[in-house]
Amino acid sequence: MSFVDDFVAKIISLEVSLYHARARLQADSDREALHDLRISVRKIRSLLRPLRIMPEVAALNQAAAEVGRMTTPTRDLEVIIGELQERGYTRQATRRSATLAGHYRNLAGSPVLDRLFVELDRWPELFRTAERAGALAGVKRQVHKALRKRLKQLIDGLRDPHFDRHELRIIVKNARYLTEAFPALSPLKGKSRAQLKSVQASLGSWHDHHQWCLRAEAEGDLLEIAPFWEVASEQALADAELKLASLLDHLEKDLGTPERARRTTNPRT
């Protein structure tokens, strides 16, 4: 199967997954429907990211991005409800759970989601037309270049001890998802991929707990939990910081960066 054939097949498969997730969302059949829908949208965006400026890709990429933005508040609500239930704060969790069914109905029937399905339906023919016109001749090379660019951006962030950790979290997330979207084209070996996932988990935990602390400032029934979240946020960030140096070393090794070569040749004493 050619690169383009495989690319199109992946998008179509994700479209099918989206239809299933929306049906579950409409029926309110389970609490994983929205999560699965968002994963499918995220995978579509990761596949499209290196090609997003192409006219044949731009509209689909934009439609997927809008669904991602639209569903974020409800997913955030799901996550904090799960956290409250796990910590035994039943009253706070129940109060928020009561609104979920309405959120699901609104999302499932949203014109924003409808637009994504319209773009998914029309996209394969647009992409195949571009292929027949020769516009995709260098697409594999373009994806490989985008991968290395994103990983080098991550390396630059890891080298800077003052680099904003919120921005670093986003770069780590995008680097990991891009590598997962194109595993055969990524220069990262298994160890680097595992460390990237681990760092993302730690930074994600830090971010979640930090956001819950901010939420507690506006939602008074969360104030009693905020001190715990603050401590958990600090611990998660400290855990991430401990992993960053090792991740940097493995990324530099896999990409063969000049800076690592110089440090290896002239180690500090």
C-alpha atoms as a PDB file:
ATOM      1  CA  MET A   1       0.000   0.000   0.000  1.00  0.00           C
ATOM      2  CA  SER A   2       1.358   3.422  -0.952  1.00  0.00           C
ATOM      3  CA  PHE A   3       1.850   6.173   1.600  1.00  0.00           C
ATOM      4  CA  VAL A   4      -1.130   8.117   0.224  1.00  0.00           C
ATOM      5  CA  ASP A   5      -3.356   5.015   0.179  1.00  0.00           C
ATOM      6  CA  ASP A   6      -2.478   4.280   3.797  1.00  0.00           C
ATOM      7  CA  PHE A   7      -3.035   7.923   4.761  1.00  0.00           C
ATOM      8  CA  VAL A   8      -6.510   8.006   3.203  1.00  0.00           C
ATOM      9  CA  ALA A   9      -7.419   4.645   4.755  1.00  0.00           C
ATOM     10  CA  LYS A  10      -6.495   5.904   8.219  1.00  0.00           C
ATOM     11  CA  ILE A  11      -8.671   9.010   7.882  1.00  0.00           C
ATOM     12  CA  ILE A  12     -11.635   6.944   6.654  1.00  0.00           C
ATOM     13  CA  SER A  13     -11.206   4.491   9.534  1.00  0.00           C
ATOM     14  CA  LEU A  14     -11.224   7.374  12.000  1.00  0.00           C
ATOM     15  CA  GLU A  15     -14.377   8.750  10.370  1.00  0.00           C
ATOM     16  CA  VAL A  16     -16.094   5.420  11.080  1.00  0.00           C
ATOM     17  CA  SER A  17     -14.920   5.604  14.698  1.00  0.00           C
ATOM     18  CA  LEU A  18     -16.352   9.115  14.923  1.00  0.00           C
ATOM     19  CA  TYR A  19     -19.765   7.957  13.714  1.00  0.00           C
ATOM     20  CA  HIS A  20     -19.795   5.234  16.356  1.00  0.00           C
ATOM     21  CA  ALA A  21     -18.756   7.644  19.097  1.00  0.00           C
ATOM     22  CA  ARG A  22     -21.435  10.166  18.106  1.00  0.00           C
ATOM     23  CA  ALA A  23     -24.117   7.452  18.178  1.00  0.00           C
ATOM     24  CA  ARG A  24     -23.037   6.509  21.693  1.00  0.00           C
ATOM     25  CA  LEU A  25     -23.047  10.178  22.665  1.00  0.00           C
ATOM     26  CA  GLN A  26     -26.581  10.642  21.323  1.00  0.00           C
ATOM     27  CA  ALA A  27     -27.781   7.612  23.278  1.00  0.00           C
ATOM     28  CA  ASP A  28     -25.803   8.607  26.389  1.00  0.00           C
ATOM     29  CA  SER A  29     -24.885   4.927  26.541  1.00  0.00           C
ATOM     30  CA  ASP A  30     -21.569   5.243  28.337  1.00  0.00           C
ATOM     31  CA  ARG A  31     -19.160   7.768  29.802  1.00  0.00           C
ATOM     32  CA  GLU A  32     -16.355   6.996  27.342  1.00  0.00           C
ATOM     33  CA  ALA A  33     -18.178   8.156  24.203  1.00  0.00           C
ATOM     34  CA  LEU A  34     -16.960  11.750  24.301  1.00  0.00           C
ATOM     35  CA  HIS A  35     -13.441  10.667  25.201  1.00  0.00           C
ATOM     36  CA  ASP A  36     -13.368   8.269  22.235  1.00  0.00           C
ATOM     37  CA  LEU A  37     -14.783  10.936  19.933  1.00  0.00           C
ATOM     38  CA  ARG A  38     -12.065  13.356  20.993  1.00  0.00           C
ATOM     39  CA  ILE A  39      -9.358  10.734  20.503  1.00  0.00           C
ATOM     40  CA  SER A  40     -10.539  10.166  16.926  1.00  0.00           C
ATOM     41  CA  VAL A  41     -10.576  13.915  16.280  1.00  0.00           C
ATOM     42  CA  ARG A  42      -7.110  14.257  17.786  1.00  0.00           C
ATOM     43  CA  LYS A  43      -5.756  11.450  15.598  1.00  0.00           C
ATOM     44  CA  ILE A  44      -7.248  13.084  12.501  1.00  0.00           C
ATOM     45  CA  ARG A  45      -5.602  16.383  13.414  1.00  0.00           C
ATOM     46  CA  SER A  46      -2.261  14.680  14.045  1.00  0.00           C
ATOM     47  CA  LEU A  47      -2.369  13.059  10.613  1.00  0.00           C
ATOM     48  CA  LEU A  48      -3.297  16.339   8.960  1.00  0.00           C
ATOM     49  CA  ARG A  49      -0.881  18.546  10.895  1.00  0.00           C
ATOM     50  CA  PRO A  50       2.127  18.276   8.534  1.00  0.00           C
ATOM     51  CA  LEU A  51      -0.118  18.988   5.524  1.00  0.00           C
ATOM     52  CA  ARG A  52      -2.521  21.487   7.051  1.00  0.00           C
ATOM     53  CA  ILE A  53      -1.588  24.389   4.760  1.00  0.00           C
ATOM     54  CA  MET A  54      -2.568  22.409   1.660  1.00  0.00           C
ATOM     55  CA  PRO A  55      -5.875  23.669   0.194  1.00  0.00           C
ATOM     56  CA  GLU A  56      -7.165  20.082   0.077  1.00  0.00           C
ATOM     57  CA  VAL A  57      -6.519  19.657   3.799  1.00  0.00           C
ATOM     58  CA  ALA A  58      -7.162  23.096   5.312  1.00  0.00           C
ATOM     59  CA  ALA A  59     -10.966  22.886   5.562  1.00  0.00           C
ATOM     60  CA  LEU A  60     -10.948  19.430   7.171  1.00  0.00           C
ATOM     61  CA  ASN A  61      -8.220  20.439   9.580  1.00  0.00           C
ATOM     62  CA  GLN A  62     -10.160  23.553  10.589  1.00  0.00           C
ATOM     63  CA  ALA A  63     -13.377  21.586  11.084  1.00  0.00           C
ATOM     64  CA  ALA A  64     -11.578  19.056  13.292  1.00  0.00           C
ATOM     65  CA  ALA A  65      -9.972  21.857  15.314  1.00  0.00           C
ATOM     66  CA  GLU A  66     -13.374  23.447  15.934  1.00  0.00           C
ATOM     67  CA  VAL A  67     -14.785  20.154  17.233  1.00  0.00           C
ATOM     68  CA  GLY A  68     -11.789  19.838  19.522  1.00  0.00           C
ATOM     69  CA  ARG A  69     -12.383  23.303  20.958  1.00  0.00           C
ATOM     70  CA  MET A  70     -16.133  22.794  21.272  1.00  0.00           C
ATOM     71  CA  THR A  71     -15.821  19.533  23.207  1.00  0.00           C
ATOM     72  CA  THR A  72     -13.033  20.603  25.574  1.00  0.00           C
ATOM     73  CA  PRO A  73     -15.231  22.153  28.322  1.00  0.00           C
ATOM     74  CA  THR A  74     -17.428  19.057  28.545  1.00  0.00           C
ATOM     75  CA  ARG A  75     -14.422  16.748  28.614  1.00  0.00           C
ATOM     76  CA  ASP A  76     -12.879  18.904  31.345  1.00  0.00           C
ATOM     77  CA  LEU A  77     -16.134  18.522  33.278  1.00  0.00           C
ATOM     78  CA  GLU A  78     -16.009  14.738  32.870  1.00  0.00           C
ATOM     79  CA  VAL A  79     -12.442  14.627  34.143  1.00  0.00           C
ATOM     80  CA  ILE A  80     -13.075  16.726  37.242  1.00  0.00           C
ATOM     81  CA  ILE A  81     -16.195  14.668  38.036  1.00  0.00           C
ATOM     82  CA  GLY A  82     -14.054  11.545  37.902  1.00  0.00           C
ATOM     83  CA  GLU A  83     -11.496  13.168  40.186  1.00  0.00           C
ATOM     84  CA  LEU A  84     -14.171  14.198  42.689  1.00  0.00           C
ATOM     85  CA  GLN A  85     -15.692  10.725  42.711  1.00  0.00           C
ATOM     86  CA  GLU A  86     -12.300   9.110  43.233  1.00  0.00           C
ATOM     87  CA  ARG A  87     -11.549  11.424  46.164  1.00  0.00           C
ATOM     88  CA  GLY A  88     -14.914  10.759  47.774  1.00  0.00           C
ATOM     89  CA  TYR A  89     -16.472  14.192  47.178  1.00  0.00           C
ATOM     90  CA  THR A  90     -19.826  12.749  46.147  1.00  0.00           C
ATOM     91  CA  ARG A  91     -21.866  15.916  46.627  1.00  0.00           C
ATOM     92  CA  GLN A  92     -19.653  17.995  44.340  1.00  0.00           C
ATOM     93  CA  ALA A  93     -19.477  15.213  41.758  1.00  0.00           C
ATOM     94  CA  THR A  94     -23.239  14.629  41.705  1.00  0.00           C
ATOM     95  CA  ARG A  95     -23.981  18.322  41.285  1.00  0.00           C
ATOM     96  CA  ARG A  96     -21.822  18.450  38.164  1.00  0.00           C
ATOM     97  CA  SER A  97     -22.911  15.077  36.772  1.00  0.00           C
ATOM     98  CA  ALA A  98     -26.498  16.312  36.561  1.00  0.00           C
ATOM     99  CA  THR A  99     -25.590  18.576  33.634  1.00  0.00           C
ATOM    100  CA  LEU A 100     -23.717  16.016  31.528  1.00  0.00           C
ATOM    101  CA  ALA A 101     -26.686  14.533  29.643  1.00  0.00           C
ATOM    102  CA  GLY A 102     -27.608  17.975  28.320  1.00  0.00           C
ATOM    103  CA  HIS A 103     -24.017  18.604  27.279  1.00  0.00           C
ATOM    104  CA  TYR A 104     -23.926  15.312  25.379  1.00  0.00           C
ATOM    105  CA  ARG A 105     -27.152  16.068  23.495  1.00  0.00           C
ATOM    106  CA  ASN A 106     -25.912  19.511  22.510  1.00  0.00           C
ATOM    107  CA  LEU A 107     -22.587  18.181  21.289  1.00  0.00           C
ATOM    108  CA  ALA A 108     -24.056  15.256  19.353  1.00  0.00           C
ATOM    109  CA  GLY A 109     -26.462  17.554  17.493  1.00  0.00           C
ATOM    110  CA  SER A 110     -24.052  20.419  17.020  1.00  0.00           C
ATOM    111  CA  PRO A 111     -23.642  22.016  13.568  1.00  0.00           C
ATOM    112  CA  VAL A 112     -19.911  22.102  14.319  1.00  0.00           C
ATOM    113  CA  LEU A 113     -19.809  18.304  14.474  1.00  0.00           C
ATOM    114  CA  ASP A 114     -22.054  18.055  11.407  1.00  0.00           C
ATOM    115  CA  ARG A 115     -19.587  20.212   9.501  1.00  0.00           C
ATOM    116  CA  LEU A 116     -16.738  17.873  10.388  1.00  0.00           C
ATOM    117  CA  PHE A 117     -18.620  14.926   8.912  1.00  0.00           C
ATOM    118  CA  VAL A 118     -19.361  16.937   5.760  1.00  0.00           C
ATOM    119  CA  GLU A 119     -15.668  17.740   5.357  1.00  0.00           C
ATOM    120  CA  LEU A 120     -14.702  14.123   6.028  1.00  0.00           C
ATOM    121  CA  ASP A 121     -17.092  12.957   3.302  1.00  0.00           C
ATOM    122  CA  ARG A 122     -15.719  15.327   0.683  1.00  0.00           C
ATOM    123  CA  TRP A 123     -12.047  15.143   1.636  1.00  0.00           C
ATOM    124  CA  PRO A 124     -10.970  11.816   0.023  1.00  0.00           C
ATOM    125  CA  GLU A 125     -11.942  12.929  -3.472  1.00  0.00           C
ATOM    126  CA  LEU A 126     -10.191  16.280  -2.991  1.00  0.00           C
ATOM    127  CA  PHE A 127      -7.053  14.506  -1.820  1.00  0.00           C
ATOM    128  CA  ARG A 128      -7.141  11.968  -4.652  1.00  0.00           C
ATOM    129  CA  THR A 129      -7.599  14.773  -7.173  1.00  0.00           C
ATOM    130  CA  ALA A 130      -4.479  16.432  -5.789  1.00  0.00           C
ATOM    131  CA  GLU A 131      -2.659  13.102  -6.080  1.00  0.00           C
ATOM    132  CA  ARG A 132      -3.635  12.712  -9.726  1.00  0.00           C
ATOM    133  CA  ALA A 133      -2.410  16.251 -10.380  1.00  0.00           C
ATOM    134  CA  GLY A 134       0.991  15.384  -8.898  1.00  0.00           C
ATOM    135  CA  ALA A 135       0.558  17.672  -5.895  1.00  0.00           C
ATOM    136  CA  LEU A 136       1.341  14.885  -3.423  1.00  0.00           C
ATOM    137  CA  ALA A 137       4.615  13.730  -4.944  1.00  0.00           C
ATOM    138  CA  GLY A 138       6.645  15.035  -2.004  1.00  0.00           C
ATOM    139  CA  VAL A 139       4.105  14.453   0.747  1.00  0.00           C
ATOM    140  CA  LYS A 140       6.072  11.707   2.514  1.00  0.00           C
ATOM    141  CA  ARG A 141       9.160  13.900   2.615  1.00  0.00           C
ATOM    142  CA  GLN A 142       7.031  16.779   3.893  1.00  0.00           C
ATOM    143  CA  VAL A 143       5.754  14.661   6.786  1.00  0.00           C
ATOM    144  CA  HIS A 144       9.273  13.509   7.666  1.00  0.00           C
ATOM    145  CA  LYS A 145      10.459  17.122   7.676  1.00  0.00           C
ATOM    146  CA  ALA A 146       7.574  18.177   9.928  1.00  0.00           C
ATOM    147  CA  LEU A 147       8.392  15.396  12.371  1.00  0.00           C
ATOM    148  CA  ARG A 148      12.022  16.414  12.694  1.00  0.00           C
ATOM    149  CA  LYS A 149      11.082  20.080  13.003  1.00  0.00           C
ATOM    150  CA  ARG A 150       8.679  19.353  15.864  1.00  0.00           C
ATOM    151  CA  LEU A 151      11.228  17.172  17.651  1.00  0.00           C
ATOM    152  CA  LYS A 152      13.952  19.794  17.272  1.00  0.00           C
ATOM    153  CA  GLN A 153      11.540  22.361  18.708  1.00  0.00           C
ATOM    154  CA  LEU A 154      11.072  20.047  21.670  1.00  0.00           C
ATOM    155  CA  ILE A 155      14.822  19.621  22.085  1.00  0.00           C
ATOM    156  CA  ASP A 156      15.268  23.406  22.109  1.00  0.00           C
ATOM    157  CA  GLY A 157      12.632  23.698  24.821  1.00  0.00           C
ATOM    158  CA  LEU A 158      14.217  20.960  26.908  1.00  0.00           C
ATOM    159  CA  ARG A 159      17.631  22.612  26.686  1.00  0.00           C
ATOM    160  CA  ASP A 160      16.271  25.848  28.132  1.00  0.00           C
ATOM    161  CA  PRO A 161      15.704  25.511  31.902  1.00  0.00           C
ATOM    162  CA  HIS A 162      13.547  28.650  31.837  1.00  0.00           C
ATOM    163  CA  PHE A 163      11.278  27.478  29.008  1.00  0.00           C
ATOM    164  CA  ASP A 164       7.610  27.911  29.923  1.00  0.00           C
ATOM    165  CA  ARG A 165       6.309  24.556  31.159  1.00  0.00           C
ATOM    166  CA  HIS A 166       2.800  25.144  29.860  1.00  0.00           C
ATOM    167  CA  GLU A 167       4.189  25.628  26.359  1.00  0.00           C
ATOM    168  CA  LEU A 168       6.528  22.672  26.815  1.00  0.00           C
ATOM    169  CA  ARG A 169       3.560  20.476  27.723  1.00  0.00           C
ATOM    170  CA  ILE A 170       1.869  21.323  24.436  1.00  0.00           C
ATOM    171  CA  ILE A 171       5.041  20.675  22.431  1.00  0.00           C
ATOM    172  CA  VAL A 172       5.561  17.326  24.171  1.00  0.00           C
ATOM    173  CA  LYS A 173       1.959  16.363  23.462  1.00  0.00           C
ATOM    174  CA  ASN A 174       2.150  17.329  19.797  1.00  0.00           C
ATOM    175  CA  ALA A 175       5.506  15.586  19.334  1.00  0.00           C
ATOM    176  CA  ARG A 176       4.166  12.375  20.809  1.00  0.00           C
ATOM    177  CA  TYR A 177       0.941  12.399  18.804  1.00  0.00           C
ATOM    178  CA  LEU A 178       2.781  13.197  15.574  1.00  0.00           C
ATOM    179  CA  THR A 179       5.160  10.298  16.186  1.00  0.00           C
ATOM    180  CA  GLU A 180       2.199   7.996  16.857  1.00  0.00           C
ATOM    181  CA  ALA A 181       0.501   9.165  13.657  1.00  0.00           C
ATOM    182  CA  PHE A 182       3.577   8.388  11.549  1.00  0.00           C
ATOM    183  CA  PRO A 183       5.584   5.764  13.461  1.00  0.00           C
ATOM    184  CA  ALA A 184       7.481   4.548  10.394  1.00  0.00           C
ATOM    185  CA  LEU A 185       8.726   8.057   9.593  1.00  0.00           C
ATOM    186  CA  SER A 186       9.665   9.110  13.113  1.00  0.00           C
ATOM    187  CA  PRO A 187      13.365   8.944  14.020  1.00  0.00           C
ATOM    188  CA  LEU A 188      12.484   8.137  17.630  1.00  0.00           C
ATOM    189  CA  LYS A 189      13.328   4.726  19.018  1.00  0.00           C
ATOM    190  CA  GLY A 190      11.274   2.821  21.550  1.00  0.00           C
ATOM    191  CA  LYS A 191      12.962   4.270  24.631  1.00  0.00           C
ATOM    192  CA  SER A 192      12.427   7.850  23.498  1.00  0.00           C
ATOM    193  CA  ARG A 193       8.786   7.178  22.683  1.00  0.00           C
ATOM    194  CA  ALA A 194       8.198   5.636  26.107  1.00  0.00           C
ATOM    195  CA  GLN A 195       9.879   8.569  27.847  1.00  0.00           C
ATOM    196  CA  LEU A 196       7.900  11.054  25.765  1.00  0.00           C
ATOM    197  CA  LYS A 197       4.682   9.377  26.907  1.00  0.00           C
ATOM    198  CA  SER A 198       5.820   9.380  30.532  1.00  0.00           C
ATOM    199  CA  VAL A 199       6.774  13.071  30.468  1.00  0.00           C
ATOM    200  CA  GLN A 200       3.452  13.928  28.836  1.00  0.00           C
ATOM    201  CA  ALA A 201       1.604  12.080  31.606  1.00  0.00           C
ATOM    202  CA  SER A 202       3.465  13.972  34.342  1.00  0.00           C
ATOM    203  CA  LEU A 203       3.021  17.357  32.679  1.00  0.00           C
ATOM    204  CA  GLY A 204      -0.629  16.525  32.010  1.00  0.00           C
ATOM    205  CA  SER A 205      -1.210  15.688  35.671  1.00  0.00           C
ATOM    206  CA  TRP A 206       0.474  18.934  36.691  1.00  0.00           C
ATOM    207  CA  HIS A 207      -1.682  20.908  34.266  1.00  0.00           C
ATOM    208  CA  ASP A 208      -4.923  19.223  35.368  1.00  0.00           C
ATOM    209  CA  HIS A 209      -4.313  19.848  39.063  1.00  0.00           C
ATOM    210  CA  HIS A 210      -3.264  23.431  38.349  1.00  0.00           C
ATOM    211  CA  GLN A 211      -6.469  24.028  36.375  1.00  0.00           C
ATOM    212  CA  TRP A 212      -8.570  22.543  39.170  1.00  0.00           C
ATOM    213  CA  CYS A 213      -6.963  24.954  41.638  1.00  0.00           C
ATOM    214  CA  LEU A 214      -7.932  27.845  39.364  1.00  0.00           C
ATOM    215  CA  ARG A 215     -11.432  26.420  39.035  1.00  0.00           C
ATOM    216  CA  ALA A 216     -11.785  26.301  42.808  1.00  0.00           C
ATOM    217  CA  GLU A 217     -11.363  30.082  42.912  1.00  0.00           C
ATOM    218  CA  ALA A 218     -14.634  30.425  40.971  1.00  0.00           C
ATOM    219  CA  GLU A 219     -16.497  27.388  42.327  1.00  0.00           C
ATOM    220  CA  GLY A 220     -16.707  27.619  46.096  1.00  0.00           C
ATOM    221  CA  ASP A 221     -17.602  23.998  46.759  1.00  0.00           C
ATOM    222  CA  LEU A 222     -14.144  23.013  45.485  1.00  0.00           C
ATOM    223  CA  LEU A 223     -12.175  25.217  47.869  1.00  0.00           C
ATOM    224  CA  GLU A 224     -11.732  22.516  50.495  1.00  0.00           C
ATOM    225  CA  ILE A 225      -9.995  20.286  47.914  1.00  0.00           C
ATOM    226  CA  ALA A 226      -7.761  23.001  46.449  1.00  0.00           C
ATOM    227  CA  PRO A 227      -4.883  22.552  48.953  1.00  0.00           C
ATOM    228  CA  PHE A 228      -4.586  18.885  47.995  1.00  0.00           C
ATOM    229  CA  TRP A 229      -4.625  19.766  44.300  1.00  0.00           C
ATOM    230  CA  GLU A 230      -1.939  22.376  44.817  1.00  0.00           C
ATOM    231  CA  VAL A 231       0.371  19.824  46.443  1.00  0.00           C
ATOM    232  CA  ALA A 232      -0.410  17.239  43.754  1.00  0.00           C
ATOM    233  CA  SER A 233       0.329  19.810  41.049  1.00  0.00           C
ATOM    234  CA  GLU A 234       3.729  20.598  42.543  1.00  0.00           C
ATOM    235  CA  GLN A 235       4.560  16.903  42.879  1.00  0.00           C
ATOM    236  CA  ALA A 236       3.588  16.168  39.277  1.00  0.00           C
ATOM    237  CA  LEU A 237       5.726  19.023  37.986  1.00  0.00           C
ATOM    238  CA  ALA A 238       8.672  17.869  40.096  1.00  0.00           C
ATOM    239  CA  ASP A 239       8.224  14.370  38.693  1.00  0.00           C
ATOM    240  CA  ALA A 240       8.244  15.752  35.154  1.00  0.00           C
ATOM    241  CA  GLU A 241      11.374  17.811  35.812  1.00  0.00           C
ATOM    242  CA  LEU A 242      13.214  14.672  36.924  1.00  0.00           C
ATOM    243  CA  LYS A 243      12.459  13.032  33.573  1.00  0.00           C
ATOM    244  CA  LEU A 244      13.355  15.912  31.251  1.00  0.00           C
ATOM    245  CA  ALA A 245      17.139  15.472  31.181  1.00  0.00           C
ATOM    246  CA  SER A 246      16.861  11.801  30.252  1.00  0.00           C
ATOM    247  CA  LEU A 247      14.285  12.577  27.566  1.00  0.00           C
ATOM    248  CA  LEU A 248      16.560  15.251  26.127  1.00  0.00           C
ATOM    249  CA  ASP A 249      19.503  12.866  26.002  1.00  0.00           C
ATOM    250  CA  HIS A 250      17.518  10.193  24.174  1.00  0.00           C
ATOM    251  CA  LEU A 251      16.008  12.674  21.713  1.00  0.00           C
ATOM    252  CA  GLU A 252      19.411  14.124  20.881  1.00  0.00           C
ATOM    253  CA  LYS A 253      20.803  10.639  20.390  1.00  0.00           C
ATOM    254  CA  ASP A 254      17.982   9.591  18.062  1.00  0.00           C
ATOM    255  CA  LEU A 255      18.162  12.780  16.015  1.00  0.00           C
ATOM    256  CA  GLY A 256      21.978  12.914  16.030  1.00  0.00           C
ATOM    257  CA  THR A 257      22.081  16.583  16.999  1.00  0.00           C
ATOM    258  CA  PRO A 258      25.429  18.439  16.780  1.00  0.00           C
ATOM    259  CA  GLU A 259      25.131  19.722  20.360  1.00  0.00           C
ATOM    260  CA  ARG A 260      25.029  16.199  21.757  1.00  0.00           C
ATOM    261  CA  ALA A 261      27.994  15.190  19.618  1.00  0.00           C
ATOM    262  CA  ARG A 262      30.025  18.086  21.008  1.00  0.00           C
ATOM    263  CA  ARG A 263      29.096  17.233  24.600  1.00  0.00           C
ATOM    264  CA  THR A 264      30.031  13.587  24.022  1.00  0.00           C
ATOM    265  CA  THR A 265      33.364  14.534  22.481  1.00  0.00           C
ATOM    266  CA  ASN A 266      34.166  17.203  25.084  1.00  0.00           C
ATOM    267  CA  PRO A 267      32.514  16.138  28.344  1.00  0.00           C
ATOM    268  CA  ARG A 268      32.466  18.718  31.122  1.00  0.00           C
ATOM    269  CA  THR A 269      34.701  18.135  34.098  1.00  0.00           C
END
